[in-house]
N, C-alpha and C. Protein backbone atom coordinates (compact mmCIF):
# COMPACT_ATOMS: atom_id res chain seq x y z
N UNK A 1 -37.36 20.02 -45.38
CA UNK A 1 -37.24 18.73 -44.71
C UNK A 1 -35.91 18.10 -45.12
N UNK A 2 -35.19 17.58 -44.18
CA UNK A 2 -33.90 16.97 -44.46
C UNK A 2 -34.08 15.56 -45.00
N UNK A 3 -33.00 15.02 -45.57
CA UNK A 3 -33.04 13.67 -46.10
C UNK A 3 -33.32 12.65 -45.01
N UNK A 4 -32.71 12.81 -43.83
CA UNK A 4 -32.94 11.86 -42.74
C UNK A 4 -34.38 11.89 -42.26
N UNK A 5 -35.00 13.06 -42.27
CA UNK A 5 -36.41 13.15 -41.86
C UNK A 5 -37.31 12.45 -42.88
N UNK A 6 -36.98 12.57 -44.16
CA UNK A 6 -37.76 11.89 -45.19
C UNK A 6 -37.62 10.38 -45.06
N UNK A 7 -36.42 9.91 -44.80
CA UNK A 7 -36.16 8.48 -44.68
C UNK A 7 -36.96 7.87 -43.55
N UNK A 8 -37.07 8.56 -42.42
CA UNK A 8 -37.79 8.03 -41.27
C UNK A 8 -39.28 7.86 -41.55
N UNK A 9 -39.83 8.67 -42.47
CA UNK A 9 -41.25 8.60 -42.78
C UNK A 9 -41.58 7.53 -43.81
N UNK A 10 -40.57 6.98 -44.46
CA UNK A 10 -40.82 5.95 -45.45
C UNK A 10 -40.91 4.59 -44.78
N UNK A 11 -41.80 3.71 -45.28
CA UNK A 11 -41.93 2.38 -44.68
C UNK A 11 -40.67 1.55 -44.89
N UNK A 12 -40.40 0.65 -43.96
CA UNK A 12 -39.25 -0.24 -44.07
C UNK A 12 -39.64 -1.63 -44.53
N UNK A 13 -40.95 -1.93 -44.47
CA UNK A 13 -41.46 -3.25 -44.84
C UNK A 13 -42.71 -3.10 -45.71
N UNK A 14 -42.93 -4.08 -46.58
CA UNK A 14 -44.15 -4.13 -47.39
C UNK A 14 -44.97 -5.33 -46.96
N UNK A 15 -46.29 -5.18 -46.99
CA UNK A 15 -47.22 -6.27 -46.66
C UNK A 15 -47.82 -6.82 -47.95
N UNK A 16 -47.86 -8.14 -48.05
CA UNK A 16 -48.40 -8.80 -49.23
C UNK A 16 -49.47 -9.81 -48.85
N UNK A 17 -50.51 -9.90 -49.66
CA UNK A 17 -51.52 -10.96 -49.54
C UNK A 17 -51.08 -12.06 -50.50
N UNK A 18 -50.91 -13.27 -49.97
CA UNK A 18 -50.41 -14.40 -50.77
C UNK A 18 -51.49 -15.46 -50.84
N UNK A 19 -51.83 -15.86 -52.07
CA UNK A 19 -52.81 -16.93 -52.27
C UNK A 19 -52.20 -18.00 -53.17
N UNK A 20 -52.78 -19.18 -53.13
CA UNK A 20 -52.27 -20.29 -53.94
C UNK A 20 -51.05 -20.91 -53.30
N UNK A 21 -50.25 -21.55 -54.10
CA UNK A 21 -49.04 -22.20 -53.62
C UNK A 21 -49.09 -23.70 -53.85
N UNK A 22 -48.12 -24.42 -53.31
CA UNK A 22 -47.98 -25.87 -53.46
C UNK A 22 -48.03 -26.28 -54.93
N UNK A 23 -49.17 -26.77 -55.43
CA UNK A 23 -49.26 -27.26 -56.81
C UNK A 23 -49.26 -26.13 -57.85
N UNK A 24 -49.94 -25.02 -57.54
CA UNK A 24 -49.93 -23.89 -58.46
C UNK A 24 -49.05 -22.78 -57.90
N UNK A 25 -48.62 -21.87 -58.76
CA UNK A 25 -47.74 -20.79 -58.34
C UNK A 25 -48.48 -19.81 -57.44
N UNK A 26 -47.84 -19.38 -56.36
CA UNK A 26 -48.44 -18.42 -55.43
C UNK A 26 -48.61 -17.06 -56.11
N UNK A 27 -49.68 -16.37 -55.76
CA UNK A 27 -49.97 -15.04 -56.30
C UNK A 27 -49.79 -14.02 -55.17
N UNK A 28 -48.90 -13.04 -55.38
CA UNK A 28 -48.59 -12.03 -54.37
C UNK A 28 -49.20 -10.69 -54.79
N UNK A 29 -49.91 -10.05 -53.87
CA UNK A 29 -50.48 -8.73 -54.10
C UNK A 29 -50.07 -7.81 -52.95
N UNK A 30 -49.46 -6.67 -53.28
CA UNK A 30 -49.06 -5.73 -52.22
C UNK A 30 -50.31 -5.09 -51.64
N UNK A 31 -50.43 -5.13 -50.31
CA UNK A 31 -51.64 -4.61 -49.66
C UNK A 31 -51.35 -3.54 -48.62
N UNK A 32 -50.09 -3.21 -48.38
CA UNK A 32 -49.81 -2.19 -47.38
C UNK A 32 -48.33 -2.04 -47.08
N UNK A 33 -48.07 -1.32 -45.97
CA UNK A 33 -46.70 -1.03 -45.57
C UNK A 33 -46.59 -1.05 -44.05
N UNK A 34 -45.35 -1.15 -43.56
CA UNK A 34 -45.10 -1.19 -42.12
C UNK A 34 -43.89 -0.35 -41.75
N UNK A 35 -43.97 0.28 -40.57
CA UNK A 35 -42.89 1.09 -40.02
C UNK A 35 -42.56 0.56 -38.63
N UNK A 36 -41.27 0.41 -38.30
CA UNK A 36 -40.92 -0.07 -36.96
C UNK A 36 -41.16 1.01 -35.91
N UNK A 37 -41.53 0.58 -34.71
CA UNK A 37 -41.67 1.49 -33.58
C UNK A 37 -40.29 1.96 -33.14
N UNK A 38 -40.22 3.12 -32.54
CA UNK A 38 -38.94 3.67 -32.10
C UNK A 38 -38.23 2.77 -31.11
N UNK A 39 -39.00 2.05 -30.27
CA UNK A 39 -38.38 1.17 -29.28
C UNK A 39 -37.97 -0.18 -29.86
N UNK A 40 -38.28 -0.43 -31.14
CA UNK A 40 -37.88 -1.67 -31.80
C UNK A 40 -38.70 -2.89 -31.40
N UNK A 41 -39.82 -2.68 -30.71
CA UNK A 41 -40.60 -3.81 -30.20
C UNK A 41 -41.89 -4.06 -30.97
N UNK A 42 -42.05 -3.45 -32.12
CA UNK A 42 -43.27 -3.67 -32.89
C UNK A 42 -43.28 -2.84 -34.16
N UNK A 43 -44.41 -2.89 -34.86
CA UNK A 43 -44.57 -2.18 -36.13
C UNK A 43 -45.92 -1.48 -36.17
N UNK A 44 -45.98 -0.38 -36.89
CA UNK A 44 -47.24 0.25 -37.24
C UNK A 44 -47.55 -0.18 -38.67
N UNK A 45 -48.80 -0.60 -38.90
CA UNK A 45 -49.20 -1.09 -40.21
C UNK A 45 -50.19 -0.13 -40.86
N UNK A 46 -50.07 0.01 -42.17
CA UNK A 46 -51.04 0.74 -42.97
C UNK A 46 -51.51 -0.21 -44.06
N UNK A 47 -52.78 -0.63 -43.97
CA UNK A 47 -53.34 -1.59 -44.92
C UNK A 47 -54.24 -0.89 -45.93
N UNK A 48 -54.05 -1.20 -47.21
CA UNK A 48 -54.93 -0.73 -48.27
C UNK A 48 -56.07 -1.73 -48.49
N UNK A 49 -55.88 -2.95 -47.99
CA UNK A 49 -56.81 -4.04 -48.19
C UNK A 49 -56.65 -5.02 -47.03
N UNK A 50 -57.74 -5.59 -46.55
CA UNK A 50 -57.67 -6.61 -45.51
C UNK A 50 -58.29 -7.89 -46.07
N UNK A 51 -57.46 -8.86 -46.47
CA UNK A 51 -57.96 -10.07 -47.10
C UNK A 51 -58.70 -10.99 -46.12
N UNK A 52 -59.65 -11.74 -46.66
CA UNK A 52 -60.42 -12.71 -45.86
C UNK A 52 -59.79 -14.09 -45.88
N UNK A 53 -59.00 -14.38 -46.90
CA UNK A 53 -58.38 -15.70 -47.02
C UNK A 53 -56.92 -15.54 -47.42
N UNK A 54 -56.23 -16.65 -47.56
CA UNK A 54 -54.82 -16.59 -47.89
C UNK A 54 -54.00 -16.22 -46.67
N UNK A 55 -52.85 -15.65 -46.89
CA UNK A 55 -51.99 -15.24 -45.76
C UNK A 55 -51.41 -13.86 -46.04
N UNK A 56 -50.96 -13.20 -44.98
CA UNK A 56 -50.29 -11.91 -45.09
C UNK A 56 -48.83 -12.12 -44.77
N UNK A 57 -47.96 -11.65 -45.66
CA UNK A 57 -46.52 -11.79 -45.48
C UNK A 57 -45.88 -10.40 -45.39
N UNK A 58 -44.98 -10.24 -44.42
CA UNK A 58 -44.26 -8.99 -44.20
C UNK A 58 -42.84 -9.16 -44.74
N UNK A 59 -42.43 -8.29 -45.66
CA UNK A 59 -41.10 -8.39 -46.27
C UNK A 59 -40.37 -7.06 -46.15
N UNK A 60 -39.05 -7.13 -45.92
CA UNK A 60 -38.22 -5.93 -45.87
C UNK A 60 -38.16 -5.31 -47.27
N UNK A 61 -38.28 -3.99 -47.33
CA UNK A 61 -38.11 -3.28 -48.60
C UNK A 61 -36.62 -3.06 -48.79
N UNK A 62 -36.05 -3.61 -49.86
CA UNK A 62 -34.62 -3.44 -50.09
C UNK A 62 -34.36 -2.54 -51.30
N UNK A 63 -33.40 -1.65 -51.13
CA UNK A 63 -32.94 -0.72 -52.17
C UNK A 63 -34.07 0.11 -52.77
N UNK A 64 -35.03 0.50 -51.94
CA UNK A 64 -36.11 1.34 -52.42
C UNK A 64 -37.11 0.63 -53.31
N UNK A 65 -36.94 -0.69 -53.49
CA UNK A 65 -37.86 -1.47 -54.32
C UNK A 65 -38.84 -2.19 -53.42
N UNK A 66 -40.08 -1.69 -53.34
CA UNK A 66 -41.06 -2.31 -52.45
C UNK A 66 -41.80 -3.45 -53.13
N UNK A 67 -41.48 -3.74 -54.37
CA UNK A 67 -42.13 -4.84 -55.07
C UNK A 67 -41.23 -6.07 -55.02
N UNK A 68 -40.91 -6.52 -53.81
CA UNK A 68 -39.98 -7.63 -53.64
C UNK A 68 -40.68 -8.93 -53.29
N UNK A 69 -41.84 -9.15 -53.89
CA UNK A 69 -42.57 -10.40 -53.67
C UNK A 69 -41.80 -11.56 -54.28
N UNK A 70 -41.94 -12.71 -53.70
CA UNK A 70 -41.24 -13.89 -54.18
C UNK A 70 -41.92 -14.48 -55.39
């Protein structure tokens, strides 16, 4: 497998479940990954967890570091 083929299979975005905020510090938990569609009009998501509360935030993975929660 070539390097370019490996790169295409890696996710470009990470999904995080975010709870708390405002008065207390927000807690970020990585819950999945996302890959852009070839046409650039959407994403495919892979979730390890589907939260019932809080919010889901999608962040770009930069420099191979997928732990880029705020």
